[in-house]
Amino acid sequence: KDIVIDNKTSEIAILQKQLEDIRSREISKESQIDKRDDIINELKEMISSQVAELQKKNKIIFEKNSKLEVLLKVNDKHQELILEIEKGHEISKSKDETIEKLNIQ
């Protein structure tokens, strides 16, 4: 009888030890999961922050591009006006030369 009780006691002790080991591993896993979740949340915040910063920079670039497009259109108009003025000068010069020739004759 004593041997049976001793065996049962040692079996119970072994089972208790196994149960403690399992609980310890579960706590460790939960701790790792919590750490992983914290890291994931930090990364999400960092990414969100960077996305917001990039969106801000994109908006600034878009606004600058829009201004540059306007400036390019204005520049094109100026170039057209310069060509018109040069043509006018050529015509005027040609008329002046013609008048001088007529005056000489």
PDB file of N, CA and C in Angstrom:
ATOM      1  N   LYS A   1       0.817  -1.194   0.000  1.00  0.00           N
ATOM      2  CA  LYS A   1       0.000   0.000   0.000  1.00  0.00           C
ATOM      3  C   LYS A   1       0.861   1.258   0.000  1.00  0.00           C
ATOM      4  N   ASP A   2       1.885   1.253   0.797  1.00  0.00           N
ATOM      5  CA  ASP A   2       2.775   2.414   0.875  1.00  0.00           C
ATOM      6  C   ASP A   2       3.447   2.682  -0.463  1.00  0.00           C
ATOM      7  N   ILE A   3       3.826   1.595  -1.153  1.00  0.00           N
ATOM      8  CA  ILE A   3       4.478   1.748  -2.456  1.00  0.00           C
ATOM      9  C   ILE A   3       3.525   2.390  -3.455  1.00  0.00           C
ATOM     10  N   VAL A   4       2.269   1.960  -3.451  1.00  0.00           N
ATOM     11  CA  VAL A   4       1.256   2.508  -4.365  1.00  0.00           C
ATOM     12  C   VAL A   4       1.058   3.997  -4.078  1.00  0.00           C
ATOM     13  N   ILE A   5       0.963   4.346  -2.784  1.00  0.00           N
ATOM     14  CA  ILE A   5       0.783   5.755  -2.416  1.00  0.00           C
ATOM     15  C   ILE A   5       2.009   6.559  -2.833  1.00  0.00           C
ATOM     16  N   ASP A   6       3.189   6.000  -2.593  1.00  0.00           N
ATOM     17  CA  ASP A   6       4.421   6.694  -3.008  1.00  0.00           C
ATOM     18  C   ASP A   6       4.463   6.904  -4.511  1.00  0.00           C
ATOM     19  N   ASN A   7       4.060   5.878  -5.277  1.00  0.00           N
ATOM     20  CA  ASN A   7       4.023   5.989  -6.737  1.00  0.00           C
ATOM     21  C   ASN A   7       3.034   7.074  -7.170  1.00  0.00           C
ATOM     22  N   LYS A   8       1.873   7.069  -6.540  1.00  0.00           N
ATOM     23  CA  LYS A   8       0.850   8.074  -6.892  1.00  0.00           C
ATOM     24  C   LYS A   8       1.348   9.471  -6.532  1.00  0.00           C
ATOM     25  N   THR A   9       1.988   9.587  -5.399  1.00  0.00           N
ATOM     26  CA  THR A   9       2.514  10.879  -4.959  1.00  0.00           C
ATOM     27  C   THR A   9       3.563  11.369  -5.941  1.00  0.00           C
ATOM     28  N   SER A  10       4.446  10.468  -6.366  1.00  0.00           N
ATOM     29  CA  SER A  10       5.483  10.890  -7.306  1.00  0.00           C
ATOM     30  C   SER A  10       4.876  11.189  -8.674  1.00  0.00           C
ATOM     31  N   GLU A  11       3.841  10.429  -9.064  1.00  0.00           N
ATOM     32  CA  GLU A  11       3.149  10.721 -10.338  1.00  0.00           C
ATOM     33  C   GLU A  11       2.488  12.106 -10.270  1.00  0.00           C
ATOM     34  N   ILE A  12       1.858  12.384  -9.126  1.00  0.00           N
ATOM     35  CA  ILE A  12       1.221  13.696  -8.935  1.00  0.00           C
ATOM     36  C   ILE A  12       2.274  14.789  -8.983  1.00  0.00           C
ATOM     37  N   ALA A  13       3.414  14.563  -8.333  1.00  0.00           N
ATOM     38  CA  ALA A  13       4.494  15.552  -8.332  1.00  0.00           C
ATOM     39  C   ALA A  13       4.993  15.783  -9.759  1.00  0.00           C
ATOM     40  N   ILE A  14       5.144  14.695 -10.515  1.00  0.00           N
ATOM     41  CA  ILE A  14       5.603  14.811 -11.911  1.00  0.00           C
ATOM     42  C   ILE A  14       4.580  15.589 -12.734  1.00  0.00           C
ATOM     43  N   LEU A  15       3.295  15.251 -12.568  1.00  0.00           N
ATOM     44  CA  LEU A  15       2.227  15.941 -13.307  1.00  0.00           C
ATOM     45  C   LEU A  15       2.161  17.429 -12.929  1.00  0.00           C
ATOM     46  N   GLN A  16       2.339  17.719 -11.637  1.00  0.00           N
ATOM     47  CA  GLN A  16       2.341  19.113 -11.199  1.00  0.00           C
ATOM     48  C   GLN A  16       3.498  19.883 -11.833  1.00  0.00           C
ATOM     49  N   LYS A  17       4.663  19.232 -11.887  1.00  0.00           N
ATOM     50  CA  LYS A  17       5.849  19.853 -12.495  1.00  0.00           C
ATOM     51  C   LYS A  17       5.583  20.117 -13.984  1.00  0.00           C
ATOM     52  N   GLN A  18       4.990  19.131 -14.668  1.00  0.00           N
ATOM     53  CA  GLN A  18       4.667  19.294 -16.088  1.00  0.00           C
ATOM     54  C   GLN A  18       3.673  20.438 -16.294  1.00  0.00           C
ATOM     55  N   LEU A  19       2.674  20.510 -15.411  1.00  0.00           N
ATOM     56  CA  LEU A  19       1.672  21.567 -15.483  1.00  0.00           C
ATOM     57  C   LEU A  19       2.326  22.941 -15.282  1.00  0.00           C
ATOM     58  N   GLU A  20       3.236  23.035 -14.335  1.00  0.00           N
ATOM     59  CA  GLU A  20       3.963  24.287 -14.097  1.00  0.00           C
ATOM     60  C   GLU A  20       4.785  24.673 -15.324  1.00  0.00           C
ATOM     61  N   ASP A  21       5.441  23.677 -15.934  1.00  0.00           N
ATOM     62  CA  ASP A  21       6.233  23.933 -17.139  1.00  0.00           C
ATOM     63  C   ASP A  21       5.338  24.456 -18.274  1.00  0.00           C
ATOM     64  N   ILE A  22       4.190  23.820 -18.435  1.00  0.00           N
ATOM     65  CA  ILE A  22       3.248  24.245 -19.490  1.00  0.00           C
ATOM     66  C   ILE A  22       2.779  25.675 -19.225  1.00  0.00           C
ATOM     67  N   ARG A  23       2.412  25.946 -17.977  1.00  0.00           N
ATOM     68  CA  ARG A  23       1.959  27.317 -17.628  1.00  0.00           C
ATOM     69  C   ARG A  23       3.079  28.328 -17.871  1.00  0.00           C
ATOM     70  N   SER A  24       4.282  27.973 -17.520  1.00  0.00           N
ATOM     71  CA  SER A  24       5.429  28.855 -17.705  1.00  0.00           C
ATOM     72  C   SER A  24       5.633  29.141 -19.199  1.00  0.00           C
ATOM     73  N   ARG A  25       5.536  28.104 -20.025  1.00  0.00           N
ATOM     74  CA  ARG A  25       5.684  28.302 -21.474  1.00  0.00           C
ATOM     75  C   ARG A  25       4.555  29.176 -22.030  1.00  0.00           C
ATOM     76  N   GLU A  26       3.334  28.968 -21.530  1.00  0.00           N
ATOM     77  CA  GLU A  26       2.206  29.792 -21.984  1.00  0.00           C
ATOM     78  C   GLU A  26       2.422  31.257 -21.622  1.00  0.00           C
ATOM     79  N   ILE A  27       2.876  31.504 -20.402  1.00  0.00           N
ATOM     80  CA  ILE A  27       3.151  32.881 -19.962  1.00  0.00           C
ATOM     81  C   ILE A  27       4.242  33.488 -20.845  1.00  0.00           C
ATOM     82  N   SER A  28       5.266  32.684 -21.140  1.00  0.00           N
ATOM     83  CA  SER A  28       6.359  33.152 -21.988  1.00  0.00           C
ATOM     84  C   SER A  28       5.830  33.476 -23.393  1.00  0.00           C
ATOM     85  N   LYS A  29       4.967  32.608 -23.936  1.00  0.00           N
ATOM     86  CA  LYS A  29       4.382  32.845 -25.255  1.00  0.00           C
ATOM     87  C   LYS A  29       3.533  34.107 -25.246  1.00  0.00           C
ATOM     88  N   GLU A  30       2.726  34.275 -24.200  1.00  0.00           N
ATOM     89  CA  GLU A  30       1.887  35.475 -24.092  1.00  0.00           C
ATOM     90  C   GLU A  30       2.751  36.731 -24.036  1.00  0.00           C
ATOM     91  N   SER A  31       3.842  36.639 -23.292  1.00  0.00           N
ATOM     92  CA  SER A  31       4.764  37.765 -23.189  1.00  0.00           C
ATOM     93  C   SER A  31       5.370  38.077 -24.556  1.00  0.00           C
ATOM     94  N   GLN A  32       5.763  37.040 -25.279  1.00  0.00           N
ATOM     95  CA  GLN A  32       6.318  37.244 -26.618  1.00  0.00           C
ATOM     96  C   GLN A  32       5.275  37.835 -27.562  1.00  0.00           C
ATOM     97  N   ILE A  33       4.047  37.362 -27.449  1.00  0.00           N
ATOM     98  CA  ILE A  33       2.958  37.892 -28.282  1.00  0.00           C
ATOM     99  C   ILE A  33       2.735  39.369 -27.960  1.00  0.00           C
ATOM    100  N   ASP A  34       2.733  39.700 -26.673  1.00  0.00           N
ATOM    101  CA  ASP A  34       2.563  41.107 -26.276  1.00  0.00           C
ATOM    102  C   ASP A  34       3.691  41.968 -26.836  1.00  0.00           C
ATOM    103  N   LYS A  35       4.924  41.475 -26.722  1.00  0.00           N
ATOM    104  CA  LYS A  35       6.065  42.225 -27.259  1.00  0.00           C
ATOM    105  C   LYS A  35       5.927  42.396 -28.766  1.00  0.00           C
ATOM    106  N   ARG A  36       5.550  41.310 -29.441  1.00  0.00           N
ATOM    107  CA  ARG A  36       5.373  41.367 -30.897  1.00  0.00           C
ATOM    108  C   ARG A  36       4.295  42.385 -31.260  1.00  0.00           C
ATOM    109  N   ASP A  37       3.182  42.360 -30.539  1.00  0.00           N
ATOM    110  CA  ASP A  37       2.096  43.311 -30.790  1.00  0.00           C
ATOM    111  C   ASP A  37       2.561  44.746 -30.565  1.00  0.00           C
ATOM    112  N   ASP A  38       3.362  44.959 -29.521  1.00  0.00           N
ATOM    113  CA  ASP A  38       3.905  46.305 -29.266  1.00  0.00           C
ATOM    114  C   ASP A  38       4.785  46.766 -30.418  1.00  0.00           C
ATOM    115  N   ILE A  39       5.629  45.863 -30.891  1.00  0.00           N
ATOM    116  CA  ILE A  39       6.519  46.194 -32.004  1.00  0.00           C
ATOM    117  C   ILE A  39       5.700  46.495 -33.265  1.00  0.00           C
ATOM    118  N   ILE A  40       4.697  45.679 -33.524  1.00  0.00           N
ATOM    119  CA  ILE A  40       3.827  45.895 -34.691  1.00  0.00           C
ATOM    120  C   ILE A  40       3.145  47.259 -34.596  1.00  0.00           C
ATOM    121  N   ASN A  41       2.645  47.598 -33.423  1.00  0.00           N
ATOM    122  CA  ASN A  41       1.983  48.896 -33.248  1.00  0.00           C
ATOM    123  C   ASN A  41       2.952  50.058 -33.449  1.00  0.00           C
ATOM    124  N   GLU A  42       4.169  49.909 -32.931  1.00  0.00           N
ATOM    125  CA  GLU A  42       5.187  50.951 -33.129  1.00  0.00           C
ATOM    126  C   GLU A  42       5.485  51.121 -34.616  1.00  0.00           C
ATOM    127  N   LEU A  43       5.627  49.996 -35.315  1.00  0.00           N
ATOM    128  CA  LEU A  43       5.909  50.057 -36.750  1.00  0.00           C
ATOM    129  C   LEU A  43       4.751  50.714 -37.510  1.00  0.00           C
ATOM    130  N   LYS A  44       3.525  50.386 -37.117  1.00  0.00           N
ATOM    131  CA  LYS A  44       2.351  50.999 -37.758  1.00  0.00           C
ATOM    132  C   LYS A  44       2.366  52.514 -37.569  1.00  0.00           C
ATOM    133  N   GLU A  45       2.692  52.944 -36.357  1.00  0.00           N
ATOM    134  CA  GLU A  45       2.760  54.385 -36.074  1.00  0.00           C
ATOM    135  C   GLU A  45       3.855  55.053 -36.904  1.00  0.00           C
ATOM    136  N   MET A  46       5.023  54.402 -36.978  1.00  0.00           N
ATOM    137  CA  MET A  46       6.118  54.958 -37.767  1.00  0.00           C
ATOM    138  C   MET A  46       5.718  55.076 -39.237  1.00  0.00           C
ATOM    139  N   ILE A  47       5.102  54.024 -39.758  1.00  0.00           N
ATOM    140  CA  ILE A  47       4.689  54.023 -41.159  1.00  0.00           C
ATOM    141  C   ILE A  47       3.642  55.110 -41.401  1.00  0.00           C
ATOM    142  N   SER A  48       2.675  55.217 -40.507  1.00  0.00           N
ATOM    143  CA  SER A  48       1.640  56.245 -40.653  1.00  0.00           C
ATOM    144  C   SER A  48       2.263  57.632 -40.660  1.00  0.00           C
ATOM    145  N   SER A  49       3.213  57.842 -39.774  1.00  0.00           N
ATOM    146  CA  SER A  49       3.896  59.128 -39.692  1.00  0.00           C
ATOM    147  C   SER A  49       4.641  59.419 -40.989  1.00  0.00           C
ATOM    148  N   GLN A  50       5.354  58.427 -41.497  1.00  0.00           N
ATOM    149  CA  GLN A  50       6.113  58.609 -42.732  1.00  0.00           C
ATOM    150  C   GLN A  50       5.184  58.838 -43.921  1.00  0.00           C
ATOM    151  N   VAL A  51       4.064  58.120 -43.960  1.00  0.00           N
ATOM    152  CA  VAL A  51       3.089  58.311 -45.041  1.00  0.00           C
ATOM    153  C   VAL A  51       2.545  59.736 -44.996  1.00  0.00           C
ATOM    154  N   ALA A  52       2.208  60.215 -43.808  1.00  0.00           N
ATOM    155  CA  ALA A  52       1.697  61.584 -43.665  1.00  0.00           C
ATOM    156  C   ALA A  52       2.740  62.592 -44.141  1.00  0.00           C
ATOM    157  N   GLU A  53       3.998  62.374 -43.784  1.00  0.00           N
ATOM    158  CA  GLU A  53       5.081  63.277 -44.201  1.00  0.00           C
ATOM    159  C   GLU A  53       5.236  63.259 -45.721  1.00  0.00           C
ATOM    160  N   LEU A  54       5.184  62.065 -46.299  1.00  0.00           N
ATOM    161  CA  LEU A  54       5.308  61.953 -47.759  1.00  0.00           C
ATOM    162  C   LEU A  54       4.126  62.623 -48.464  1.00  0.00           C
ATOM    163  N   GLN A  55       2.930  62.489 -47.904  1.00  0.00           N
ATOM    164  CA  GLN A  55       1.757  63.132 -48.495  1.00  0.00           C
ATOM    165  C   GLN A  55       1.909  64.648 -48.461  1.00  0.00           C
ATOM    166  N   LYS A  56       2.464  65.159 -47.356  1.00  0.00           N
ATOM    167  CA  LYS A  56       2.700  66.600 -47.246  1.00  0.00           C
ATOM    168  C   LYS A  56       3.692  67.047 -48.321  1.00  0.00           C
ATOM    169  N   LYS A  57       4.790  66.292 -48.447  1.00  0.00           N
ATOM    170  CA  LYS A  57       5.815  66.636 -49.445  1.00  0.00           C
ATOM    171  C   LYS A  57       5.246  66.536 -50.860  1.00  0.00           C
ATOM    172  N   ASN A  58       4.422  65.521 -51.092  1.00  0.00           N
ATOM    173  CA  ASN A  58       3.788  65.355 -52.404  1.00  0.00           C
ATOM    174  C   ASN A  58       2.917  66.556 -52.745  1.00  0.00           C
ATOM    175  N   LYS A  59       2.178  67.034 -51.750  1.00  0.00           N
ATOM    176  CA  LYS A  59       1.296  68.184 -51.963  1.00  0.00           C
ATOM    177  C   LYS A  59       2.131  69.414 -52.337  1.00  0.00           C
ATOM    178  N   ILE A  60       3.237  69.617 -51.619  1.00  0.00           N
ATOM    179  CA  ILE A  60       4.121  70.754 -51.900  1.00  0.00           C
ATOM    180  C   ILE A  60       4.681  70.634 -53.320  1.00  0.00           C
ATOM    181  N   ILE A  61       5.128  69.433 -53.679  1.00  0.00           N
ATOM    182  CA  ILE A  61       5.682  69.216 -55.024  1.00  0.00           C
ATOM    183  C   ILE A  61       4.611  69.481 -56.077  1.00  0.00           C
ATOM    184  N   PHE A  62       3.405  69.004 -55.834  1.00  0.00           N
ATOM    185  CA  PHE A  62       2.313  69.218 -56.787  1.00  0.00           C
ATOM    186  C   PHE A  62       2.042  70.712 -56.965  1.00  0.00           C
ATOM    187  N   GLU A  63       2.024  71.452 -55.852  1.00  0.00           N
ATOM    188  CA  GLU A  63       1.793  72.896 -55.925  1.00  0.00           C
ATOM    189  C   GLU A  63       2.912  73.591 -56.698  1.00  0.00           C
ATOM    190  N   LYS A  64       4.159  73.187 -56.440  1.00  0.00           N
ATOM    191  CA  LYS A  64       5.288  73.782 -57.157  1.00  0.00           C
ATOM    192  C   LYS A  64       5.217  73.451 -58.641  1.00  0.00           C
ATOM    193  N   ASN A  65       4.846  72.219 -58.957  1.00  0.00           N
ATOM    194  CA  ASN A  65       4.707  71.831 -60.363  1.00  0.00           C
ATOM    195  C   ASN A  65       3.638  72.665 -61.058  1.00  0.00           C
ATOM    196  N   SER A  66       2.543  72.904 -60.358  1.00  0.00           N
ATOM    197  CA  SER A  66       1.464  73.715 -60.931  1.00  0.00           C
ATOM    198  C   SER A  66       1.973  75.127 -61.218  1.00  0.00           C
ATOM    199  N   LYS A  67       2.723  75.699 -60.277  1.00  0.00           N
ATOM    200  CA  LYS A  67       3.281  77.041 -60.472  1.00  0.00           C
ATOM    201  C   LYS A  67       4.261  77.051 -61.636  1.00  0.00           C
ATOM    202  N   LEU A  68       5.076  75.995 -61.724  1.00  0.00           N
ATOM    203  CA  LEU A  68       6.041  75.908 -62.827  1.00  0.00           C
ATOM    204  C   LEU A  68       5.325  75.819 -64.175  1.00  0.00           C
ATOM    205  N   GLU A  69       4.231  75.077 -64.223  1.00  0.00           N
ATOM    206  CA  GLU A  69       3.460  74.976 -65.473  1.00  0.00           C
ATOM    207  C   GLU A  69       2.951  76.351 -65.883  1.00  0.00           C
ATOM    208  N   VAL A  70       2.459  77.110 -64.928  1.00  0.00           N
ATOM    209  CA  VAL A  70       1.981  78.466 -65.225  1.00  0.00           C
ATOM    210  C   VAL A  70       3.133  79.324 -65.733  1.00  0.00           C
ATOM    211  N   LEU A  71       4.289  79.247 -65.056  1.00  0.00           N
ATOM    212  CA  LEU A  71       5.450  80.027 -65.473  1.00  0.00           C
ATOM    213  C   LEU A  71       5.910  79.636 -66.877  1.00  0.00           C
ATOM    214  N   LEU A  72       5.853  78.348 -67.189  1.00  0.00           N
ATOM    215  CA  LEU A  72       6.238  77.901 -68.528  1.00  0.00           C
ATOM    216  C   LEU A  72       5.292  78.459 -69.582  1.00  0.00           C
ATOM    217  N   LYS A  73       4.002  78.495 -69.283  1.00  0.00           N
ATOM    218  CA  LYS A  73       3.027  79.060 -70.228  1.00  0.00           C
ATOM    219  C   LYS A  73       3.293  80.545 -70.429  1.00  0.00           C
ATOM    220  N   VAL A  74       3.577  81.255 -69.313  1.00  0.00           N
ATOM    221  CA  VAL A  74       3.886  82.685 -69.407  1.00  0.00           C
ATOM    222  C   VAL A  74       5.157  82.868 -70.238  1.00  0.00           C
ATOM    223  N   ASN A  75       6.154  82.038 -70.003  1.00  0.00           N
ATOM    224  CA  ASN A  75       7.410  82.113 -70.754  1.00  0.00           C
ATOM    225  C   ASN A  75       7.162  81.883 -72.250  1.00  0.00           C
ATOM    226  N   ASP A  76       6.319  80.902 -72.575  1.00  0.00           N
ATOM    227  CA  ASP A  76       5.986  80.648 -73.976  1.00  0.00           C
ATOM    228  C   ASP A  76       5.331  81.873 -74.610  1.00  0.00           C
ATOM    229  N   LYS A  77       4.431  82.519 -73.875  1.00  0.00           N
ATOM    230  CA  LYS A  77       3.777  83.738 -74.389  1.00  0.00           C
ATOM    231  C   LYS A  77       4.814  84.834 -74.603  1.00  0.00           C
ATOM    232  N   HIS A  78       5.734  84.977 -73.663  1.00  0.00           N
ATOM    233  CA  HIS A  78       6.795  85.985 -73.800  1.00  0.00           C
ATOM    234  C   HIS A  78       7.633  85.707 -75.047  1.00  0.00           C
ATOM    235  N   GLN A  79       7.953  84.447 -75.267  1.00  0.00           N
ATOM    236  CA  GLN A  79       8.736  84.071 -76.453  1.00  0.00           C
ATOM    237  C   GLN A  79       7.979  84.435 -77.733  1.00  0.00           C
ATOM    238  N   GLU A  80       6.672  84.159 -77.722  1.00  0.00           N
ATOM    239  CA  GLU A  80       5.849  84.520 -78.886  1.00  0.00           C
ATOM    240  C   GLU A  80       5.869  86.028 -79.109  1.00  0.00           C
ATOM    241  N   LEU A  81       5.738  86.790 -78.019  1.00  0.00           N
ATOM    242  CA  LEU A  81       5.745  88.254 -78.139  1.00  0.00           C
ATOM    243  C   LEU A  81       7.093  88.754 -78.645  1.00  0.00           C
ATOM    244  N   ILE A  82       8.167  88.162 -78.155  1.00  0.00           N
ATOM    245  CA  ILE A  82       9.516  88.551 -78.609  1.00  0.00           C
ATOM    246  C   ILE A  82       9.644  88.306 -80.113  1.00  0.00           C
ATOM    247  N   LEU A  83       9.160  87.162 -80.588  1.00  0.00           N
ATOM    248  CA  LEU A  83       9.214  86.863 -82.018  1.00  0.00           C
ATOM    249  C   LEU A  83       8.398  87.872 -82.819  1.00  0.00           C
ATOM    250  N   GLU A  84       7.215  88.204 -82.294  1.00  0.00           N
ATOM    251  CA  GLU A  84       6.374  89.205 -82.968  1.00  0.00           C
ATOM    252  C   GLU A  84       7.094  90.545 -83.034  1.00  0.00           C
ATOM    253  N   ILE A  85       7.716  90.954 -81.937  1.00  0.00           N
ATOM    254  CA  ILE A  85       8.447  92.229 -81.895  1.00  0.00           C
ATOM    255  C   ILE A  85       9.607  92.198 -82.885  1.00  0.00           C
ATOM    256  N   GLU A  86      10.330  91.073 -82.923  1.00  0.00           N
ATOM    257  CA  GLU A  86      11.445  90.949 -83.870  1.00  0.00           C
ATOM    258  C   GLU A  86      10.950  91.032 -85.304  1.00  0.00           C
ATOM    259  N   LYS A  87       9.820  90.381 -85.591  1.00  0.00           N
ATOM    260  CA  LYS A  87       9.245  90.465 -86.938  1.00  0.00           C
ATOM    261  C   LYS A  87       8.890  91.915 -87.254  1.00  0.00           C
ATOM    262  N   GLY A  88       8.301  92.600 -86.271  1.00  0.00           N
ATOM    263  CA  GLY A  88       7.932  94.006 -86.452  1.00  0.00           C
ATOM    264  C   GLY A  88       9.163  94.854 -86.743  1.00  0.00           C
ATOM    265  N   HIS A  89      10.248  94.577 -86.037  1.00  0.00           N
ATOM    266  CA  HIS A  89      11.500  95.315 -86.263  1.00  0.00           C
ATOM    267  C   HIS A  89      12.026  95.061 -87.671  1.00  0.00           C
ATOM    268  N   GLU A  90      11.956  93.804 -88.106  1.00  0.00           N
ATOM    269  CA  GLU A  90      12.432  93.463 -89.444  1.00  0.00           C
ATOM    270  C   GLU A  90      11.598  94.203 -90.497  1.00  0.00           C
ATOM    271  N   ILE A  91      10.288  94.214 -90.308  1.00  0.00           N
ATOM    272  CA  ILE A  91       9.403  94.907 -91.253  1.00  0.00           C
ATOM    273  C   ILE A  91       9.718  96.397 -91.239  1.00  0.00           C
ATOM    274  N   SER A  92       9.853  96.956 -90.041  1.00  0.00           N
ATOM    275  CA  SER A  92      10.153  98.388 -89.905  1.00  0.00           C
ATOM    276  C   SER A  92      11.490  98.713 -90.562  1.00  0.00           C
ATOM    277  N   LYS A  93      12.493  97.891 -90.357  1.00  0.00           N
ATOM    278  CA  LYS A  93      13.823  98.086 -90.922  1.00  0.00           C
ATOM    279  C   LYS A  93      13.742  98.042 -92.454  1.00  0.00           C
ATOM    280  N   SER A  94      12.994  97.059 -92.919  1.00  0.00           N
ATOM    281  CA  SER A  94      12.820  96.912 -94.363  1.00  0.00           C
ATOM    282  C   SER A  94      12.140  98.150 -94.945  1.00  0.00           C
ATOM    283  N   LYS A  95      11.116  98.681 -94.273  1.00  0.00           N
ATOM    284  CA  LYS A  95      10.418  99.885 -94.730  1.00  0.00           C
ATOM    285  C   LYS A  95      11.371 101.083 -94.713  1.00  0.00           C
ATOM    286  N   ASP A  96      12.160 101.193 -93.626  1.00  0.00           N
ATOM    287  CA  ASP A  96      13.123 102.301 -93.522  1.00  0.00           C
ATOM    288  C   ASP A  96      14.113 102.250 -94.674  1.00  0.00           C
ATOM    289  N   GLU A  97      14.602 101.046 -94.992  1.00  0.00           N
ATOM    290  CA  GLU A  97      15.553 100.897 -96.087  1.00  0.00           C
ATOM    291  C   GLU A  97      14.906 101.284 -97.412  1.00  0.00           C
ATOM    292  N   THR A  98      13.658 100.887 -97.584  1.00  0.00           N
ATOM    293  CA  THR A  98      12.943 101.217 -98.819  1.00  0.00           C
ATOM    294  C   THR A  98      12.768 102.729 -98.931  1.00  0.00           C
ATOM    295  N   ILE A  99      12.391 103.368 -97.826  1.00  0.00           N
ATOM    296  CA  ILE A  99      12.199 104.830 -97.822  1.00  0.00           C
ATOM    297  C   ILE A  99      13.528 105.514 -98.138  1.00  0.00           C
ATOM    298  N   GLU A 100      14.626 105.021 -97.545  1.00  0.00           N
ATOM    299  CA  GLU A 100      15.942 105.625 -97.815  1.00  0.00           C
ATOM    300  C   GLU A 100      16.296 105.510 -99.290  1.00  0.00           C
ATOM    301  N   LYS A 101      16.033 104.347 -99.885  1.00  0.00           N
ATOM    302  CA  LYS A 101      16.327 104.142-101.311  1.00  0.00           C
ATOM    303  C   LYS A 101      15.507 105.112-102.148  1.00  0.00           C
ATOM    304  N   LEU A 102      14.245 105.268-101.757  1.00  0.00           N
ATOM    305  CA  LEU A 102      13.384 106.198-102.527  1.00  0.00           C
ATOM    306  C   LEU A 102      13.855 107.618-102.368  1.00  0.00           C
ATOM    307  N   ASN A 103      14.302 107.975-101.182  1.00  0.00           N
ATOM    308  CA  ASN A 103      14.786 109.337-100.924  1.00  0.00           C
ATOM    309  C   ASN A 103      16.060 109.603-101.722  1.00  0.00           C
ATOM    310  N   ILE A 104      16.895 108.592-101.817  1.00  0.00           N
ATOM    311  CA  ILE A 104      18.162 108.733-102.557  1.00  0.00           C
ATOM    312  C   ILE A 104      17.856 108.965-104.031  1.00  0.00           C
ATOM    313  N   GLN A 105      16.877 108.274-104.514  1.00  0.00           N
ATOM    314  CA  GLN A 105      16.547 108.387-105.934  1.00  0.00           C
ATOM    315  C   GLN A 105      15.811 109.671-106.122  1.00  0.00           C
TER     316      GLN A 105
END
